[in-house]
Amino acid sequence: MCKGKTKSQFVAVASIAAELNAVMDVAKEISLAAANAKAIAFRAGEKAKGFQPITDFINELAKETIELVTDVNEHAIELYQLTVNNYRTTNVYTQLKLVENLSQDAVFISSIEQPLLKAQIKMDKCKRDFKMNITQLLDQLAEVMHPARAARVIAANSRIEASQAGEYLQSLQAVAESVDNAAQIIHDNVQRCRSALSVVEQTD
């Protein structure tokens, strides 16, 4: 693995961590929006009767997103460590291979065979683990997309219910708008994570 590729991997993994932190922040904002909406719906009483159960759905989606992102974040940290290990094991193998090539006529050339074999086995295992981790991350990121899509549907329903809330219409519509915007941000951030992962795959 050349230095340029390694640098690209580290940058990509760092960008994934940053995007995940942003998703977590937005999910927390959705949870706060749900709490605000619940308080408004309670004050509105019968006028916002249809909006009250929606606030529970919004809160559940926020919690689900936070849980999913927490799991994804753990895999992202593992991916960073695997990136380090991948670089180190590949570097050791490359150095040993260089020594072998430069020492073909040496008396004790056979003594390098065992360390070289061990280095190759370790390098191959590290690469397999690395690819497996990327696959798992992609699957988890796809799962994060589900509550984001559901949140957009709920936001649309929220607007309809808010229209029946009389003087509370603007407050509840603002909640629906914030949920919709947050869902879009989560979607975009997760997409950027997936793009970064594709960079990591290509540089492996």
Protein backbone atom coordinates (compact mmCIF):
# COMPACT_ATOMS: atom_id res chain seq x y z
CA MET A 1 0.00 0.00 0.00
CA CYS A 2 1.63 3.24 -1.11
CA LYS A 3 1.70 6.37 1.04
CA GLY A 4 -0.77 8.17 -1.24
CA LYS A 5 -3.32 5.38 -0.90
CA THR A 6 -2.82 5.21 2.86
CA LYS A 7 -3.33 8.96 3.17
CA SER A 8 -6.55 8.69 1.11
CA GLN A 9 -7.81 5.94 3.42
CA PHE A 10 -7.08 7.91 6.58
CA VAL A 11 -8.78 11.01 5.15
CA ALA A 12 -11.81 8.96 4.07
CA VAL A 13 -12.14 7.25 7.47
CA ALA A 14 -11.80 10.60 9.27
CA SER A 15 -14.52 12.11 7.07
CA ILE A 16 -16.83 9.18 7.89
CA ALA A 17 -16.36 9.85 11.62
CA ALA A 18 -17.16 13.54 11.08
CA GLU A 19 -20.32 12.76 9.10
CA LEU A 20 -21.48 10.29 11.75
CA ASN A 21 -21.02 12.88 14.49
CA ALA A 22 -23.15 15.27 12.44
CA VAL A 23 -25.86 12.61 12.03
CA MET A 24 -25.85 12.02 15.79
CA ASP A 25 -26.27 15.75 16.46
CA VAL A 26 -29.18 15.98 14.01
CA ALA A 27 -30.86 12.92 15.52
CA LYS A 28 -30.66 14.58 18.94
CA GLU A 29 -32.25 17.69 17.42
CA ILE A 30 -35.12 15.55 16.11
CA SER A 31 -35.62 14.15 19.61
CA LEU A 32 -35.76 17.70 20.98
CA ALA A 33 -38.24 18.68 18.24
CA ALA A 34 -40.43 15.74 19.26
CA ALA A 35 -40.43 16.91 22.87
CA ASN A 36 -41.37 20.46 21.80
CA ALA A 37 -44.10 19.13 19.52
CA LYS A 38 -45.52 17.01 22.33
CA ALA A 39 -45.72 20.08 24.60
CA ILE A 40 -47.41 22.14 21.87
CA ALA A 41 -49.86 19.34 21.03
CA PHE A 42 -50.72 18.99 24.71
CA ARG A 43 -51.51 22.72 24.96
CA ALA A 44 -53.55 22.59 21.76
CA GLY A 45 -55.68 19.74 23.14
CA GLU A 46 -58.41 18.53 20.75
CA LYS A 47 -57.15 20.82 17.97
CA ALA A 48 -53.95 18.77 17.74
CA LYS A 49 -55.34 15.39 18.72
CA GLY A 50 -54.04 13.77 15.53
CA PHE A 51 -50.62 15.30 16.04
CA GLN A 52 -50.01 13.82 19.49
CA PRO A 53 -49.22 10.21 18.42
CA ILE A 54 -47.00 11.58 15.65
CA THR A 55 -44.70 13.10 18.28
CA ASP A 56 -44.14 9.62 19.72
CA PHE A 57 -43.20 8.32 16.27
CA ILE A 58 -40.76 11.19 15.78
CA ASN A 59 -39.13 10.49 19.13
CA GLU A 60 -38.86 6.75 18.39
CA LEU A 61 -37.23 7.46 15.03
CA ALA A 62 -34.74 9.78 16.69
CA LYS A 63 -33.87 7.11 19.29
CA GLU A 64 -33.54 4.45 16.58
CA THR A 65 -31.23 6.69 14.55
CA ILE A 66 -29.06 7.43 17.59
CA GLU A 67 -28.76 3.71 18.39
CA LEU A 68 -27.91 2.83 14.79
CA VAL A 69 -25.34 5.60 14.49
CA THR A 70 -23.74 4.53 17.79
CA ASP A 71 -23.26 1.04 16.33
CA VAL A 72 -21.97 2.44 13.05
CA ASN A 73 -19.55 4.67 14.95
CA GLU A 74 -18.06 1.64 16.71
CA HIS A 75 -17.43 0.02 13.34
CA ALA A 76 -15.95 3.27 12.03
CA ILE A 77 -13.47 3.31 14.93
CA GLU A 78 -12.64 -0.32 14.17
CA LEU A 79 -12.17 0.61 10.51
CA TYR A 80 -9.66 3.28 11.52
CA GLN A 81 -7.69 0.73 13.54
CA LEU A 82 -7.83 -1.72 10.64
CA THR A 83 -6.53 1.02 8.34
CA VAL A 84 -3.54 1.45 10.66
CA ASN A 85 -3.00 -2.32 10.88
CA ASN A 86 -3.38 -2.70 7.12
CA TYR A 87 -0.68 -0.10 6.55
CA ARG A 88 1.70 -1.60 9.11
CA THR A 89 1.37 -5.22 8.01
CA THR A 90 1.68 -4.32 4.33
CA ASN A 91 4.74 -2.21 5.10
CA VAL A 92 6.41 -5.07 7.02
CA TYR A 93 5.68 -7.52 4.19
CA THR A 94 7.00 -5.07 1.57
CA GLN A 95 10.23 -4.50 3.54
CA LEU A 96 10.82 -8.23 4.02
CA LYS A 97 10.14 -8.88 0.34
CA LEU A 98 12.67 -6.19 -0.55
CA VAL A 99 15.27 -7.81 1.69
CA GLU A 100 14.57 -11.17 0.06
CA ASN A 101 14.97 -9.74 -3.45
CA LEU A 102 18.22 -7.98 -2.54
CA SER A 103 19.69 -11.03 -0.80
CA GLN A 104 19.17 -13.80 -3.33
CA ASP A 105 22.84 -14.88 -3.18
CA ALA A 106 23.16 -14.59 0.60
CA VAL A 107 24.14 -17.72 2.53
CA PHE A 108 21.24 -17.46 5.00
CA ILE A 109 18.55 -16.36 2.53
CA SER A 110 16.29 -19.23 3.63
CA SER A 111 16.04 -17.71 7.13
CA ILE A 112 13.76 -14.98 5.81
CA GLU A 113 11.19 -17.39 4.38
CA GLN A 114 9.35 -18.02 7.67
CA PRO A 115 9.05 -14.33 8.71
CA LEU A 116 7.95 -13.48 5.15
CA LEU A 117 5.27 -16.18 5.20
CA LYS A 118 4.00 -15.01 8.60
CA ALA A 119 3.91 -11.41 7.37
CA GLN A 120 1.96 -12.44 4.27
CA ILE A 121 -0.58 -14.43 6.31
CA LYS A 122 -1.04 -11.50 8.69
CA MET A 123 -1.35 -9.05 5.80
CA ASP A 124 -3.95 -11.20 4.01
CA LYS A 125 -6.00 -11.58 7.21
CA CYS A 126 -5.86 -7.84 7.83
CA LYS A 127 -7.12 -7.14 4.31
CA ARG A 128 -9.96 -9.66 4.70
CA ASP A 129 -11.00 -8.09 8.01
CA PHE A 130 -10.76 -4.67 6.41
CA LYS A 131 -13.07 -5.61 3.53
CA MET A 132 -15.50 -7.35 5.89
CA ASN A 133 -15.68 -4.24 8.07
CA ILE A 134 -16.44 -2.06 5.03
CA THR A 135 -19.26 -4.43 4.00
CA GLN A 136 -20.72 -4.31 7.52
CA LEU A 137 -20.48 -0.53 7.59
CA LEU A 138 -22.28 -0.21 4.27
CA ASP A 139 -25.07 -2.47 5.54
CA GLN A 140 -25.40 -0.43 8.73
CA LEU A 141 -25.46 2.85 6.82
CA ALA A 142 -28.27 1.45 4.69
CA GLU A 143 -30.19 0.77 7.92
CA VAL A 144 -29.72 4.39 9.04
CA MET A 145 -31.44 5.45 5.82
CA HIS A 146 -34.71 3.72 6.86
CA PRO A 147 -35.61 5.98 9.81
CA ALA A 148 -34.53 9.02 7.75
CA ARG A 149 -37.00 8.07 5.00
CA ALA A 150 -39.70 7.32 7.58
CA ALA A 151 -39.09 10.73 9.19
CA ARG A 152 -39.81 12.46 5.88
CA VAL A 153 -43.11 10.60 5.56
CA ILE A 154 -44.02 11.50 9.14
CA ALA A 155 -43.10 15.12 8.47
CA ALA A 156 -45.55 15.17 5.55
CA ASN A 157 -48.29 13.71 7.76
CA SER A 158 -47.40 16.21 10.46
CA ARG A 159 -48.08 19.09 8.10
CA ILE A 160 -51.55 17.71 7.38
CA GLU A 161 -52.36 17.29 11.07
CA ALA A 162 -50.89 20.71 11.89
CA SER A 163 -53.33 22.33 9.48
CA GLN A 164 -56.15 21.36 11.86
CA ALA A 165 -54.49 22.91 14.93
CA GLY A 166 -55.89 26.45 14.65
CA GLU A 167 -53.64 29.02 16.31
CA TYR A 168 -51.03 26.30 16.89
CA LEU A 169 -50.68 25.66 13.15
CA GLN A 170 -47.46 27.63 12.66
CA SER A 171 -45.75 26.09 15.71
CA LEU A 172 -46.57 22.53 14.65
CA GLN A 173 -45.71 23.18 11.02
CA ALA A 174 -42.33 24.50 12.18
CA VAL A 175 -41.80 21.17 13.96
CA ALA A 176 -42.75 19.24 10.82
CA GLU A 177 -40.36 21.39 8.78
CA SER A 178 -37.49 20.84 11.23
CA VAL A 179 -38.04 17.06 11.16
CA ASP A 180 -38.12 17.08 7.35
CA ASN A 181 -34.93 19.15 7.15
CA ALA A 182 -33.19 16.95 9.72
CA ALA A 183 -34.16 13.80 7.79
CA GLN A 184 -32.71 15.30 4.61
CA ILE A 185 -29.48 16.22 6.39
CA ILE A 186 -29.15 12.69 7.78
CA HIS A 187 -29.77 11.26 4.31
CA ASP A 188 -27.10 13.51 2.77
CA ASN A 189 -24.55 12.80 5.51
CA VAL A 190 -25.05 9.06 5.24
CA GLN A 191 -24.64 9.30 1.46
CA ARG A 192 -21.33 11.10 2.00
CA CYS A 193 -20.28 8.30 4.38
CA ARG A 194 -21.04 5.75 1.69
CA SER A 195 -19.05 7.74 -0.86
CA ALA A 196 -16.11 7.90 1.53
CA LEU A 197 -16.31 4.14 2.04
CA SER A 198 -16.17 3.62 -1.72
CA VAL A 199 -12.92 5.65 -1.71
CA VAL A 200 -11.55 3.38 1.02
CA GLU A 201 -12.50 0.28 -1.01
CA GLN A 202 -10.86 1.61 -4.15
CA THR A 203 -7.60 2.47 -2.37
CA ASP A 204 -7.28 -0.94 -0.76
